[in-house]
N, C-alpha and C. Protein backbone atom coordinates (compact mmCIF):
# COMPACT_ATOMS: atom_id res chain seq x y z
N MET A 1 95.78 36.79 103.39
CA MET A 1 94.91 37.41 102.41
C MET A 1 95.04 36.67 101.08
N SER A 2 93.94 36.37 100.46
CA SER A 2 93.92 35.67 99.19
C SER A 2 94.11 36.65 98.05
N HIS A 3 94.85 36.22 97.03
CA HIS A 3 95.08 37.06 95.87
C HIS A 3 94.09 36.70 94.77
N PRO A 4 93.71 37.67 93.93
CA PRO A 4 92.75 37.39 92.88
C PRO A 4 93.28 36.46 91.79
N VAL A 5 94.59 36.44 91.59
CA VAL A 5 95.18 35.55 90.58
C VAL A 5 96.35 34.80 91.21
N GLY A 6 96.62 33.62 90.68
CA GLY A 6 97.67 32.78 91.23
C GLY A 6 99.07 33.37 91.14
N TYR A 7 99.31 34.22 90.15
CA TYR A 7 100.64 34.77 89.97
C TYR A 7 100.84 36.13 90.63
N ALA A 8 99.91 36.56 91.45
CA ALA A 8 100.00 37.89 92.07
C ALA A 8 101.31 38.07 92.84
N ASP A 9 101.76 37.03 93.51
CA ASP A 9 102.99 37.13 94.30
C ASP A 9 104.25 37.15 93.42
N THR A 10 104.14 36.66 92.19
CA THR A 10 105.30 36.60 91.30
C THR A 10 105.13 37.50 90.08
N LYS A 11 104.19 38.41 90.15
CA LYS A 11 103.88 39.27 89.00
C LYS A 11 105.12 39.96 88.44
N ASP A 12 105.93 40.55 89.29
CA ASP A 12 107.12 41.27 88.81
C ASP A 12 108.07 40.32 88.08
N ARG A 13 108.28 39.14 88.63
CA ARG A 13 109.16 38.16 88.00
C ARG A 13 108.57 37.69 86.66
N GLN A 14 107.26 37.50 86.62
CA GLN A 14 106.62 37.08 85.38
C GLN A 14 106.74 38.17 84.31
N LEU A 15 106.59 39.43 84.73
CA LEU A 15 106.72 40.53 83.77
C LEU A 15 108.14 40.62 83.22
N VAL A 16 109.13 40.36 84.05
CA VAL A 16 110.53 40.35 83.59
C VAL A 16 110.70 39.27 82.52
N ARG A 17 110.14 38.10 82.79
CA ARG A 17 110.23 37.00 81.81
C ARG A 17 109.57 37.40 80.49
N LEU A 18 108.39 38.01 80.57
CA LEU A 18 107.69 38.40 79.35
C LEU A 18 108.44 39.48 78.59
N ARG A 19 109.06 40.40 79.30
CA ARG A 19 109.84 41.44 78.63
C ARG A 19 111.06 40.84 77.93
N ARG A 20 111.66 39.82 78.54
CA ARG A 20 112.78 39.14 77.91
C ARG A 20 112.31 38.45 76.63
N ILE A 21 111.16 37.79 76.69
CA ILE A 21 110.60 37.13 75.52
C ILE A 21 110.26 38.17 74.45
N GLU A 22 109.69 39.28 74.86
CA GLU A 22 109.38 40.36 73.93
C GLU A 22 110.66 40.82 73.21
N GLY A 23 111.74 40.93 73.95
CA GLY A 23 113.02 41.30 73.36
C GLY A 23 113.50 40.26 72.36
N GLN A 24 113.27 38.98 72.68
CA GLN A 24 113.65 37.92 71.75
C GLN A 24 112.86 38.04 70.45
N VAL A 25 111.57 38.36 70.56
CA VAL A 25 110.73 38.50 69.36
C VAL A 25 111.20 39.70 68.54
N ARG A 26 111.52 40.80 69.21
CA ARG A 26 112.06 41.96 68.49
C ARG A 26 113.37 41.60 67.80
N GLY A 27 114.18 40.79 68.48
CA GLY A 27 115.43 40.32 67.88
C GLY A 27 115.17 39.51 66.62
N LEU A 28 114.13 38.71 66.62
CA LEU A 28 113.76 37.95 65.43
C LEU A 28 113.42 38.89 64.27
N ALA A 29 112.66 39.93 64.57
CA ALA A 29 112.31 40.90 63.52
C ALA A 29 113.57 41.55 62.96
N ARG A 30 114.50 41.91 63.84
CA ARG A 30 115.76 42.52 63.38
C ARG A 30 116.54 41.53 62.50
N MET A 31 116.52 40.26 62.90
CA MET A 31 117.22 39.25 62.11
C MET A 31 116.63 39.15 60.71
N VAL A 32 115.32 39.16 60.61
CA VAL A 32 114.66 39.09 59.31
C VAL A 32 114.94 40.37 58.50
N GLU A 33 114.84 41.52 59.18
CA GLU A 33 115.13 42.78 58.50
C GLU A 33 116.54 42.79 57.92
N SER A 34 117.49 42.22 58.63
CA SER A 34 118.88 42.23 58.17
C SER A 34 119.21 40.99 57.33
N GLU A 35 118.17 40.22 56.99
CA GLU A 35 118.30 39.04 56.13
C GLU A 35 119.31 38.03 56.68
N THR A 36 119.18 37.74 57.97
CA THR A 36 120.02 36.73 58.63
C THR A 36 119.71 35.36 58.03
N TYR A 37 120.70 34.53 57.98
CA TYR A 37 120.58 33.16 57.46
C TYR A 37 119.41 32.43 58.13
N CYS A 38 118.62 31.76 57.32
CA CYS A 38 117.37 31.10 57.77
C CYS A 38 117.58 30.22 59.01
N ILE A 39 118.60 29.41 58.99
CA ILE A 39 118.82 28.47 60.10
C ILE A 39 119.09 29.22 61.39
N ASP A 40 119.80 30.33 61.30
CA ASP A 40 120.05 31.13 62.50
C ASP A 40 118.76 31.73 63.05
N VAL A 41 117.88 32.17 62.15
CA VAL A 41 116.58 32.70 62.58
C VAL A 41 115.76 31.59 63.23
N LEU A 42 115.76 30.41 62.60
CA LEU A 42 115.01 29.28 63.15
C LEU A 42 115.53 28.86 64.51
N THR A 43 116.83 28.94 64.72
CA THR A 43 117.41 28.62 66.02
C THR A 43 116.88 29.59 67.07
N GLN A 44 116.80 30.87 66.71
CA GLN A 44 116.29 31.86 67.65
C GLN A 44 114.79 31.68 67.87
N VAL A 45 114.05 31.29 66.84
CA VAL A 45 112.62 30.99 67.00
C VAL A 45 112.44 29.87 68.01
N SER A 46 113.26 28.84 67.91
CA SER A 46 113.18 27.72 68.84
C SER A 46 113.44 28.18 70.27
N ALA A 47 114.44 29.00 70.47
CA ALA A 47 114.74 29.51 71.82
C ALA A 47 113.59 30.35 72.36
N THR A 48 113.00 31.16 71.50
CA THR A 48 111.88 32.02 71.91
C THR A 48 110.67 31.16 72.26
N THR A 49 110.42 30.15 71.46
CA THR A 49 109.30 29.24 71.71
C THR A 49 109.48 28.53 73.05
N ARG A 50 110.68 28.05 73.33
CA ARG A 50 110.95 27.39 74.62
C ARG A 50 110.74 28.35 75.78
N ALA A 51 111.16 29.59 75.62
CA ALA A 51 110.97 30.58 76.69
C ALA A 51 109.49 30.83 76.94
N LEU A 52 108.71 30.92 75.88
CA LEU A 52 107.27 31.14 76.04
C LEU A 52 106.59 29.92 76.65
N GLU A 53 107.01 28.73 76.24
CA GLU A 53 106.46 27.50 76.83
C GLU A 53 106.80 27.42 78.32
N SER A 54 108.02 27.80 78.68
CA SER A 54 108.42 27.79 80.08
C SER A 54 107.58 28.77 80.89
N PHE A 55 107.32 29.94 80.32
CA PHE A 55 106.45 30.92 80.98
C PHE A 55 105.06 30.33 81.18
N ALA A 56 104.52 29.71 80.15
CA ALA A 56 103.17 29.14 80.23
C ALA A 56 103.10 28.06 81.31
N LEU A 57 104.10 27.20 81.38
CA LEU A 57 104.11 26.15 82.40
C LEU A 57 104.21 26.73 83.80
N SER A 58 104.99 27.77 83.95
CA SER A 58 105.10 28.44 85.25
C SER A 58 103.76 29.03 85.66
N LEU A 59 103.10 29.68 84.72
CA LEU A 59 101.79 30.28 85.00
C LEU A 59 100.76 29.20 85.32
N LEU A 60 100.80 28.10 84.59
CA LEU A 60 99.89 26.99 84.86
C LEU A 60 100.13 26.42 86.25
N ASP A 61 101.39 26.26 86.62
CA ASP A 61 101.72 25.76 87.96
C ASP A 61 101.15 26.67 89.04
N GLU A 62 101.31 27.96 88.85
CA GLU A 62 100.77 28.90 89.83
C GLU A 62 99.25 28.86 89.86
N HIS A 63 98.62 28.68 88.70
CA HIS A 63 97.16 28.58 88.66
C HIS A 63 96.69 27.33 89.41
N LEU A 64 97.37 26.22 89.18
CA LEU A 64 96.98 24.99 89.86
C LEU A 64 97.18 25.08 91.36
N SER A 65 98.31 25.65 91.78
CA SER A 65 98.60 25.69 93.21
C SER A 65 97.80 26.77 93.94
N HIS A 66 97.27 27.73 93.24
CA HIS A 66 96.51 28.79 93.90
C HIS A 66 95.02 28.67 93.58
N CYS A 67 94.65 28.98 92.36
CA CYS A 67 93.23 29.06 91.98
C CYS A 67 92.51 27.72 92.09
N VAL A 68 93.12 26.68 91.53
CA VAL A 68 92.47 25.37 91.55
C VAL A 68 92.44 24.82 92.97
N THR A 69 93.51 24.99 93.71
CA THR A 69 93.56 24.51 95.09
C THR A 69 92.48 25.18 95.93
N HIS A 70 92.33 26.50 95.78
CA HIS A 70 91.29 27.20 96.54
C HIS A 70 89.90 26.75 96.13
N ALA A 71 89.70 26.49 94.86
CA ALA A 71 88.39 26.03 94.39
C ALA A 71 88.07 24.65 94.94
N ILE A 72 89.07 23.77 94.98
CA ILE A 72 88.85 22.42 95.51
C ILE A 72 88.52 22.50 97.00
N GLU A 73 89.22 23.38 97.72
CA GLU A 73 88.91 23.55 99.14
C GLU A 73 87.50 24.06 99.34
N ALA A 74 87.01 24.91 98.43
CA ALA A 74 85.64 25.43 98.51
C ALA A 74 84.63 24.35 98.14
N GLY A 75 85.03 23.46 97.22
CA GLY A 75 84.16 22.37 96.81
C GLY A 75 83.06 22.79 95.86
N GLY A 76 82.16 21.86 95.63
CA GLY A 76 80.98 22.13 94.82
C GLY A 76 81.28 22.38 93.36
N GLU A 77 80.37 23.15 92.74
CA GLU A 77 80.48 23.42 91.31
C GLU A 77 81.71 24.25 90.96
N GLU A 78 82.15 25.11 91.87
CA GLU A 78 83.34 25.91 91.61
C GLU A 78 84.55 25.01 91.41
N ALA A 79 84.67 23.98 92.21
CA ALA A 79 85.79 23.05 92.08
C ALA A 79 85.74 22.34 90.74
N ALA A 80 84.58 21.84 90.38
CA ALA A 80 84.44 21.14 89.10
C ALA A 80 84.74 22.07 87.93
N ALA A 81 84.28 23.31 88.02
CA ALA A 81 84.52 24.27 86.94
C ALA A 81 86.00 24.60 86.81
N LYS A 82 86.68 24.81 87.93
CA LYS A 82 88.12 25.14 87.88
C LYS A 82 88.93 23.96 87.36
N LEU A 83 88.57 22.75 87.74
CA LEU A 83 89.27 21.57 87.23
C LEU A 83 89.08 21.42 85.73
N ALA A 84 87.85 21.63 85.26
CA ALA A 84 87.58 21.54 83.82
C ALA A 84 88.34 22.63 83.06
N GLU A 85 88.37 23.82 83.63
CA GLU A 85 89.08 24.94 83.02
C GLU A 85 90.58 24.63 82.93
N ALA A 86 91.16 24.12 84.00
CA ALA A 86 92.58 23.77 84.03
C ALA A 86 92.88 22.66 83.03
N SER A 87 92.01 21.67 82.97
CA SER A 87 92.19 20.57 82.03
C SER A 87 92.19 21.07 80.59
N ALA A 88 91.28 21.98 80.28
CA ALA A 88 91.21 22.56 78.93
C ALA A 88 92.47 23.37 78.62
N ALA A 89 92.97 24.10 79.60
CA ALA A 89 94.19 24.89 79.40
C ALA A 89 95.38 23.98 79.14
N ILE A 90 95.46 22.88 79.88
CA ILE A 90 96.55 21.92 79.69
C ILE A 90 96.46 21.31 78.29
N ALA A 91 95.25 20.97 77.87
CA ALA A 91 95.05 20.40 76.54
C ALA A 91 95.50 21.39 75.46
N ARG A 92 95.20 22.67 75.63
CA ARG A 92 95.64 23.68 74.66
C ARG A 92 97.16 23.76 74.61
N LEU A 93 97.80 23.71 75.76
CA LEU A 93 99.27 23.76 75.80
C LEU A 93 99.89 22.54 75.14
N VAL A 94 99.31 21.40 75.36
CA VAL A 94 99.84 20.16 74.77
C VAL A 94 99.69 20.16 73.26
N ARG A 95 98.58 20.69 72.77
CA ARG A 95 98.34 20.73 71.33
C ARG A 95 99.20 21.76 70.62
N SER A 96 99.66 22.77 71.34
CA SER A 96 100.40 23.86 70.67
C SER A 96 101.81 23.48 70.35
């Protein structure tokens, strides 16, 4: 059976990752509220950014291996559209 989204099989794991990242962001707010030293806050920002980038790459991998692969197998305009969509998503990630 085909899933509507590439991450359907890993949804629970992805949600755990996002909740961990959400906790990191809340931790940043607490650090600012308690006037933590700037460099320490920046270190935590860097860790949070890496976690979010890792999540994005994982999601992109699942999209490529599921959605794009199925579109290529179907062929035609759907394949071209999915490839263009994936390319644009990759470009956004690289620019960020």
